[in-house]
Amino acid sequence: MKIAFQNENVTLWHGDCREWSGKADAVVTDPPYPGREDLFPTDAVWPVLRRLIPGTPALLFWPCLADFPCGVPDAVHVWHKSVPIHPRSEVGNVAGHQYERILSYGCGARCEVFRVAAVMPNFAACADELTPHPTQKPLALVGRLLERVKGATVLDPFCGSGTTLIAALETGRKAIGIEIDERWVEVARRRLERWHAQGRLSLTANDRIEARHG
């Protein structure tokens, strides 16, 4: 593992999260879903999380067609994508599904529905946030999830384009991100550099496009 970006608030690692042995106060992550071996070996995802989660509050995105490989959560939240999703098939998220589960461990038992628009290439309001990552989550959504998490340092062991890291900074936390794919490490690094150059990336109205129905 090697450091791709670091300052007093955030560390971005390029490498395999199975090699990380540090500590964090909470885990918020969107691990590769079953069938996405192109992103990370699926059979290695849950051993990593089982090692990290005991005694650590965690929020994990997970598809609606799977069981709970990391144990029964305290609560299951729903991300309702409040605009029609792009008509493409994704393994673990059948084309046309407008929701995903968010498994909650040690963050309270109250279940919530988060109606936040998906980041989509054909949705103009996402222009400032959009990256090429195929499973990017909205900054506004992750920011709202972090409101449920206590602790000064947030870890994302599958950080992709770095949305969790930016959201953690926006909420005054420190952040640690790990990503194995150099493409997304570079995207996350650029986003972090931009955040620090601007002082912040606002969770603006453009980021918080929510359904007015449902």
C-alpha atoms as a PDB file:
ATOM      1  CA  MET A   1       0.000   0.000   0.000  1.00  0.00           C
ATOM      2  CA  LYS A   2       1.139   3.549  -0.672  1.00  0.00           C
ATOM      3  CA  ILE A   3      -0.227   6.973   0.188  1.00  0.00           C
ATOM      4  CA  ALA A   4      -1.764   8.785  -2.790  1.00  0.00           C
ATOM      5  CA  PHE A   5      -2.891  11.883  -0.860  1.00  0.00           C
ATOM      6  CA  GLN A   6      -2.481  12.979   2.734  1.00  0.00           C
ATOM      7  CA  ASN A   7      -2.844  15.967   5.018  1.00  0.00           C
ATOM      8  CA  GLU A   8      -3.955  16.508   8.606  1.00  0.00           C
ATOM      9  CA  ASN A   9      -7.572  15.616   7.765  1.00  0.00           C
ATOM     10  CA  VAL A  10      -7.512  12.804   5.228  1.00  0.00           C
ATOM     11  CA  THR A  11      -5.364   9.932   4.007  1.00  0.00           C
ATOM     12  CA  LEU A  12      -6.002   8.220   0.686  1.00  0.00           C
ATOM     13  CA  TRP A  13      -4.268   4.872   0.259  1.00  0.00           C
ATOM     14  CA  HIS A  14      -3.663   3.092  -3.041  1.00  0.00           C
ATOM     15  CA  GLY A  15      -3.652  -0.591  -2.269  1.00  0.00           C
ATOM     16  CA  ASP A  16      -5.513  -3.641  -1.009  1.00  0.00           C
ATOM     17  CA  CYS A  17      -7.613  -3.000   2.108  1.00  0.00           C
ATOM     18  CA  ARG A  18      -6.811  -6.516   3.289  1.00  0.00           C
ATOM     19  CA  GLU A  19      -3.341  -5.184   4.093  1.00  0.00           C
ATOM     20  CA  TRP A  20      -4.568  -2.270   6.224  1.00  0.00           C
ATOM     21  CA  SER A  21      -4.197  -2.647   9.991  1.00  0.00           C
ATOM     22  CA  GLY A  22      -5.051   0.828  11.295  1.00  0.00           C
ATOM     23  CA  LYS A  23      -7.953   2.066  13.412  1.00  0.00           C
ATOM     24  CA  ALA A  24     -11.029   4.183  12.703  1.00  0.00           C
ATOM     25  CA  ASP A  25     -14.113   5.258  14.654  1.00  0.00           C
ATOM     26  CA  ALA A  26     -16.631   4.280  11.958  1.00  0.00           C
ATOM     27  CA  VAL A  27     -16.848   2.491   8.613  1.00  0.00           C
ATOM     28  CA  VAL A  28     -18.984   3.880   5.781  1.00  0.00           C
ATOM     29  CA  THR A  29     -18.516   2.106   2.478  1.00  0.00           C
ATOM     30  CA  ASP A  30     -19.997   0.817  -0.761  1.00  0.00           C
ATOM     31  CA  PRO A  31     -18.229  -2.532  -1.265  1.00  0.00           C
ATOM     32  CA  PRO A  32     -18.236  -4.299  -4.642  1.00  0.00           C
ATOM     33  CA  TYR A  33     -21.469  -6.226  -5.042  1.00  0.00           C
ATOM     34  CA  PRO A  34     -21.502  -9.952  -5.898  1.00  0.00           C
ATOM     35  CA  GLY A  35     -20.419 -10.476  -9.481  1.00  0.00           C
ATOM     36  CA  ARG A  36     -18.154  -7.404  -9.588  1.00  0.00           C
ATOM     37  CA  GLU A  37     -14.873  -9.293  -9.497  1.00  0.00           C
ATOM     38  CA  ASP A  38     -13.573  -6.667 -11.927  1.00  0.00           C
ATOM     39  CA  LEU A  39     -13.545  -4.269  -8.959  1.00  0.00           C
ATOM     40  CA  PHE A  40     -12.437  -6.575  -6.121  1.00  0.00           C
ATOM     41  CA  PRO A  41     -12.579 -10.327  -5.413  1.00  0.00           C
ATOM     42  CA  THR A  42     -16.106 -10.807  -4.092  1.00  0.00           C
ATOM     43  CA  ASP A  43     -15.140 -13.625  -1.736  1.00  0.00           C
ATOM     44  CA  ALA A  44     -12.669 -11.252  -0.063  1.00  0.00           C
ATOM     45  CA  VAL A  45     -15.104  -8.385   0.593  1.00  0.00           C
ATOM     46  CA  TRP A  46     -16.918  -9.729   3.626  1.00  0.00           C
ATOM     47  CA  PRO A  47     -13.862 -11.115   5.470  1.00  0.00           C
ATOM     48  CA  VAL A  48     -12.474  -7.576   5.310  1.00  0.00           C
ATOM     49  CA  LEU A  49     -15.677  -6.088   6.693  1.00  0.00           C
ATOM     50  CA  ARG A  50     -16.093  -8.772   9.348  1.00  0.00           C
ATOM     51  CA  ARG A  51     -12.639  -7.846  10.599  1.00  0.00           C
ATOM     52  CA  LEU A  52     -13.331  -4.107  10.598  1.00  0.00           C
ATOM     53  CA  ILE A  53     -16.890  -3.928  11.885  1.00  0.00           C
ATOM     54  CA  PRO A  54     -16.952  -5.636  15.327  1.00  0.00           C
ATOM     55  CA  GLY A  55     -17.196  -2.830  17.867  1.00  0.00           C
ATOM     56  CA  THR A  56     -17.099  -0.178  15.125  1.00  0.00           C
ATOM     57  CA  PRO A  57     -20.262   1.601  13.879  1.00  0.00           C
ATOM     58  CA  ALA A  58     -20.750   0.853  10.194  1.00  0.00           C
ATOM     59  CA  LEU A  59     -23.037   1.711   7.284  1.00  0.00           C
ATOM     60  CA  LEU A  60     -22.729  -0.521   4.228  1.00  0.00           C
ATOM     61  CA  PHE A  61     -24.430  -0.294   0.856  1.00  0.00           C
ATOM     62  CA  TRP A  62     -25.615  -3.712  -0.287  1.00  0.00           C
ATOM     63  CA  PRO A  63     -27.953  -4.977  -3.036  1.00  0.00           C
ATOM     64  CA  CYS A  64     -31.567  -5.840  -2.368  1.00  0.00           C
ATOM     65  CA  LEU A  65     -31.231  -9.397  -3.671  1.00  0.00           C
ATOM     66  CA  ALA A  66     -28.690 -10.712  -1.140  1.00  0.00           C
ATOM     67  CA  ASP A  67     -28.640 -11.885   2.448  1.00  0.00           C
ATOM     68  CA  PHE A  68     -26.603 -10.337   5.266  1.00  0.00           C
ATOM     69  CA  PRO A  69     -23.135 -11.935   4.956  1.00  0.00           C
ATOM     70  CA  CYS A  70     -21.800  -9.716   7.749  1.00  0.00           C
ATOM     71  CA  GLY A  71     -24.457 -10.657  10.275  1.00  0.00           C
ATOM     72  CA  VAL A  72     -27.955  -9.294  10.850  1.00  0.00           C
ATOM     73  CA  PRO A  73     -27.817  -5.481  10.944  1.00  0.00           C
ATOM     74  CA  ASP A  74     -29.438  -3.314  13.595  1.00  0.00           C
ATOM     75  CA  ALA A  75     -31.362  -1.507  10.874  1.00  0.00           C
ATOM     76  CA  VAL A  76     -31.785  -1.599   7.112  1.00  0.00           C
ATOM     77  CA  HIS A  77     -32.142   1.744   5.373  1.00  0.00           C
ATOM     78  CA  VAL A  78     -33.341   2.231   1.818  1.00  0.00           C
ATOM     79  CA  TRP A  79     -31.817   4.548  -0.743  1.00  0.00           C
ATOM     80  CA  HIS A  80     -34.651   5.474  -3.091  1.00  0.00           C
ATOM     81  CA  LYS A  81     -33.171   6.954  -6.265  1.00  0.00           C
ATOM     82  CA  SER A  82     -35.537   9.797  -6.839  1.00  0.00           C
ATOM     83  CA  VAL A  83     -35.141  10.147 -10.600  1.00  0.00           C
ATOM     84  CA  PRO A  84     -35.355   7.368 -13.209  1.00  0.00           C
ATOM     85  CA  ILE A  85     -32.052   5.529 -13.289  1.00  0.00           C
ATOM     86  CA  HIS A  86     -30.047   5.068 -16.442  1.00  0.00           C
ATOM     87  CA  PRO A  87     -31.400   1.989 -18.286  1.00  0.00           C
ATOM     88  CA  ARG A  88     -28.328  -0.189 -17.889  1.00  0.00           C
ATOM     89  CA  SER A  89     -27.921  -3.545 -16.183  1.00  0.00           C
ATOM     90  CA  GLU A  90     -25.717  -3.832 -13.133  1.00  0.00           C
ATOM     91  CA  VAL A  91     -24.997  -7.123 -11.416  1.00  0.00           C
ATOM     92  CA  GLY A  92     -26.762  -7.124  -8.084  1.00  0.00           C
ATOM     93  CA  ASN A  93     -28.896  -4.158  -9.094  1.00  0.00           C
ATOM     94  CA  VAL A  94     -31.270  -5.248 -11.836  1.00  0.00           C
ATOM     95  CA  ALA A  95     -31.962  -2.593 -14.453  1.00  0.00           C
ATOM     96  CA  GLY A  96     -35.030  -0.656 -13.372  1.00  0.00           C
ATOM     97  CA  HIS A  97     -34.515  -1.020  -9.624  1.00  0.00           C
ATOM     98  CA  GLN A  98     -34.698   2.383  -8.003  1.00  0.00           C
ATOM     99  CA  TYR A  99     -33.534   1.428  -4.545  1.00  0.00           C
ATOM    100  CA  GLU A 100     -30.589  -0.094  -2.707  1.00  0.00           C
ATOM    101  CA  ARG A 101     -30.218  -1.212   0.878  1.00  0.00           C
ATOM    102  CA  ILE A 102     -27.899   0.377   3.433  1.00  0.00           C
ATOM    103  CA  LEU A 103     -27.062  -1.992   6.293  1.00  0.00           C
ATOM    104  CA  SER A 104     -26.549  -0.322   9.656  1.00  0.00           C
ATOM    105  CA  TYR A 105     -24.404  -1.769  12.446  1.00  0.00           C
ATOM    106  CA  GLY A 106     -24.136   0.072  15.762  1.00  0.00           C
ATOM    107  CA  CYS A 107     -25.730   3.260  14.399  1.00  0.00           C
ATOM    108  CA  GLY A 108     -29.190   2.931  15.918  1.00  0.00           C
ATOM    109  CA  ALA A 109     -32.192   0.746  15.142  1.00  0.00           C
ATOM    110  CA  ARG A 110     -34.391   3.289  13.364  1.00  0.00           C
ATOM    111  CA  CYS A 111     -34.831   2.509   9.653  1.00  0.00           C
ATOM    112  CA  GLU A 112     -35.033   5.382   7.175  1.00  0.00           C
ATOM    113  CA  VAL A 113     -35.706   5.967   3.502  1.00  0.00           C
ATOM    114  CA  PHE A 114     -33.271   8.368   1.853  1.00  0.00           C
ATOM    115  CA  ARG A 115     -34.723   9.941  -1.279  1.00  0.00           C
ATOM    116  CA  VAL A 116     -31.724  11.361  -3.087  1.00  0.00           C
ATOM    117  CA  ALA A 117     -31.163  11.417  -6.821  1.00  0.00           C
ATOM    118  CA  ALA A 118     -28.643   9.020  -8.284  1.00  0.00           C
ATOM    119  CA  VAL A 119     -25.554  10.519  -9.904  1.00  0.00           C
ATOM    120  CA  MET A 120     -26.298  10.117 -13.599  1.00  0.00           C
ATOM    121  CA  PRO A 121     -24.508  11.263 -16.772  1.00  0.00           C
ATOM    122  CA  ASN A 122     -27.778  12.428 -18.334  1.00  0.00           C
ATOM    123  CA  PHE A 123     -28.878  14.512 -15.333  1.00  0.00           C
ATOM    124  CA  ALA A 124     -27.617  18.086 -15.561  1.00  0.00           C
ATOM    125  CA  ALA A 125     -27.767  18.769 -11.828  1.00  0.00           C
ATOM    126  CA  CYS A 126     -25.009  16.180 -11.295  1.00  0.00           C
ATOM    127  CA  ALA A 127     -22.522  17.963 -13.563  1.00  0.00           C
ATOM    128  CA  ASP A 128     -20.306  19.284 -10.762  1.00  0.00           C
ATOM    129  CA  GLU A 129     -20.229  15.948  -8.949  1.00  0.00           C
ATOM    130  CA  LEU A 130     -20.131  13.359 -11.741  1.00  0.00           C
ATOM    131  CA  THR A 131     -17.082  11.123 -12.101  1.00  0.00           C
ATOM    132  CA  PRO A 132     -16.550   8.140 -14.430  1.00  0.00           C
ATOM    133  CA  HIS A 133     -16.954   5.652 -11.568  1.00  0.00           C
ATOM    134  CA  PRO A 134     -19.716   3.141 -12.468  1.00  0.00           C
ATOM    135  CA  THR A 135     -21.260   2.941  -8.976  1.00  0.00           C
ATOM    136  CA  GLN A 136     -20.700   6.458  -7.623  1.00  0.00           C
ATOM    137  CA  LYS A 137     -22.965   7.437  -4.741  1.00  0.00           C
ATOM    138  CA  PRO A 138     -24.323  10.991  -4.303  1.00  0.00           C
ATOM    139  CA  LEU A 139     -22.426  13.281  -1.968  1.00  0.00           C
ATOM    140  CA  ALA A 140     -25.691  14.435  -0.391  1.00  0.00           C
ATOM    141  CA  LEU A 141     -26.703  10.857   0.408  1.00  0.00           C
ATOM    142  CA  VAL A 142     -23.403   9.961   2.067  1.00  0.00           C
ATOM    143  CA  GLY A 143     -23.482  13.247   3.951  1.00  0.00           C
ATOM    144  CA  ARG A 144     -26.881  12.374   5.389  1.00  0.00           C
ATOM    145  CA  LEU A 145     -25.679   8.901   6.346  1.00  0.00           C
ATOM    146  CA  LEU A 146     -22.754  10.386   8.214  1.00  0.00           C
ATOM    147  CA  GLU A 147     -25.220  12.309  10.368  1.00  0.00           C
ATOM    148  CA  ARG A 148     -26.047   8.926  11.932  1.00  0.00           C
ATOM    149  CA  VAL A 149     -22.416   8.076  12.703  1.00  0.00           C
ATOM    150  CA  LYS A 150     -20.463   9.190  15.747  1.00  0.00           C
ATOM    151  CA  GLY A 151     -16.691   9.342  15.839  1.00  0.00           C
ATOM    152  CA  ALA A 152     -13.946  11.603  14.576  1.00  0.00           C
ATOM    153  CA  THR A 153     -12.414   9.358  11.903  1.00  0.00           C
ATOM    154  CA  VAL A 154     -14.343   7.605   9.115  1.00  0.00           C
ATOM    155  CA  LEU A 155     -12.885   4.724   7.112  1.00  0.00           C
ATOM    156  CA  ASP A 156     -13.953   3.710   3.615  1.00  0.00           C
ATOM    157  CA  PRO A 157     -12.010   0.560   2.649  1.00  0.00           C
ATOM    158  CA  PHE A 158     -13.535   0.554  -0.857  1.00  0.00           C
ATOM    159  CA  CYS A 159     -13.491   4.293  -1.457  1.00  0.00           C
ATOM    160  CA  GLY A 160     -13.802   4.391  -5.260  1.00  0.00           C
ATOM    161  CA  SER A 161     -14.024   7.987  -6.431  1.00  0.00           C
ATOM    162  CA  GLY A 162     -13.748   9.337  -2.864  1.00  0.00           C
ATOM    163  CA  THR A 163     -17.306  10.469  -2.114  1.00  0.00           C
ATOM    164  CA  THR A 164     -17.213   9.205   1.488  1.00  0.00           C
ATOM    165  CA  LEU A 165     -13.944  11.052   2.076  1.00  0.00           C
ATOM    166  CA  ILE A 166     -15.375  14.339   0.791  1.00  0.00           C
ATOM    167  CA  ALA A 167     -18.581  13.863   2.813  1.00  0.00           C
ATOM    168  CA  ALA A 168     -16.558  13.174   5.954  1.00  0.00           C
ATOM    169  CA  LEU A 169     -14.586  16.381   5.446  1.00  0.00           C
ATOM    170  CA  GLU A 170     -17.826  18.279   4.853  1.00  0.00           C
ATOM    171  CA  THR A 171     -19.126  17.103   8.225  1.00  0.00           C
ATOM    172  CA  GLY A 172     -15.949  18.041  10.080  1.00  0.00           C
ATOM    173  CA  ARG A 173     -14.526  14.515  10.357  1.00  0.00           C
ATOM    174  CA  LYS A 174     -11.200  13.022   9.455  1.00  0.00           C
ATOM    175  CA  ALA A 175     -11.206  10.368   6.760  1.00  0.00           C
ATOM    176  CA  ILE A 176      -9.230   7.348   5.620  1.00  0.00           C
ATOM    177  CA  GLY A 177      -9.859   5.872   2.187  1.00  0.00           C
ATOM    178  CA  ILE A 178      -8.428   2.758   0.555  1.00  0.00           C
ATOM    179  CA  GLU A 179      -8.817   1.922  -3.124  1.00  0.00           C
ATOM    180  CA  ILE A 180      -7.170  -0.872  -5.083  1.00  0.00           C
ATOM    181  CA  ASP A 181      -7.835   0.447  -8.603  1.00  0.00           C
ATOM    182  CA  GLU A 182      -5.403   3.132  -9.697  1.00  0.00           C
ATOM    183  CA  ARG A 183      -8.011   4.746 -11.970  1.00  0.00           C
ATOM    184  CA  TRP A 184     -10.277   5.598  -9.065  1.00  0.00           C
ATOM    185  CA  VAL A 185      -7.409   6.527  -6.771  1.00  0.00           C
ATOM    186  CA  GLU A 186      -6.514   9.226  -9.277  1.00  0.00           C
ATOM    187  CA  VAL A 187     -10.133  10.437  -9.440  1.00  0.00           C
ATOM    188  CA  ALA A 188     -10.379  10.532  -5.641  1.00  0.00           C
ATOM    189  CA  ARG A 189      -7.040  12.321  -5.374  1.00  0.00           C
ATOM    190  CA  ARG A 190      -8.169  15.035  -7.785  1.00  0.00           C
ATOM    191  CA  ARG A 191     -11.441  15.494  -5.889  1.00  0.00           C
ATOM    192  CA  LEU A 192      -9.581  15.880  -2.600  1.00  0.00           C
ATOM    193  CA  GLU A 193      -7.175  18.373  -4.114  1.00  0.00           C
ATOM    194  CA  ARG A 194     -10.112  20.337  -5.468  1.00  0.00           C
ATOM    195  CA  TRP A 195     -11.874  20.296  -2.090  1.00  0.00           C
ATOM    196  CA  HIS A 196      -8.827  21.677  -0.334  1.00  0.00           C
ATOM    197  CA  ALA A 197      -8.186  24.250  -3.079  1.00  0.00           C
ATOM    198  CA  GLN A 198     -11.747  25.546  -2.756  1.00  0.00           C
ATOM    199  CA  GLY A 199     -11.973  25.127   0.982  1.00  0.00           C
ATOM    200  CA  ARG A 200     -14.946  22.805   0.614  1.00  0.00           C
ATOM    201  CA  LEU A 201     -17.332  21.150  -1.833  1.00  0.00           C
ATOM    202  CA  SER A 202     -20.755  22.344  -0.714  1.00  0.00           C
ATOM    203  CA  LEU A 203     -23.689  20.031  -0.211  1.00  0.00           C
ATOM    204  CA  THR A 204     -25.732  22.445  -2.301  1.00  0.00           C
ATOM    205  CA  ALA A 205     -29.253  22.249  -3.640  1.00  0.00           C
ATOM    206  CA  ASN A 206     -27.817  20.746  -6.794  1.00  0.00           C
ATOM    207  CA  ASP A 207     -26.428  17.889  -4.729  1.00  0.00           C
ATOM    208  CA  ARG A 208     -29.646  17.439  -2.753  1.00  0.00           C
ATOM    209  CA  ILE A 209     -32.092  16.812  -5.594  1.00  0.00           C
ATOM    210  CA  GLU A 210     -34.851  14.922  -3.859  1.00  0.00           C
ATOM    211  CA  ALA A 211     -38.105  13.435  -5.022  1.00  0.00           C
ATOM    212  CA  ARG A 212     -41.217  15.495  -4.562  1.00  0.00           C
ATOM    213  CA  HIS A 213     -43.234  12.305  -4.669  1.00  0.00           C
ATOM    214  CA  GLY A 214     -43.136   8.792  -3.278  1.00  0.00           C
END
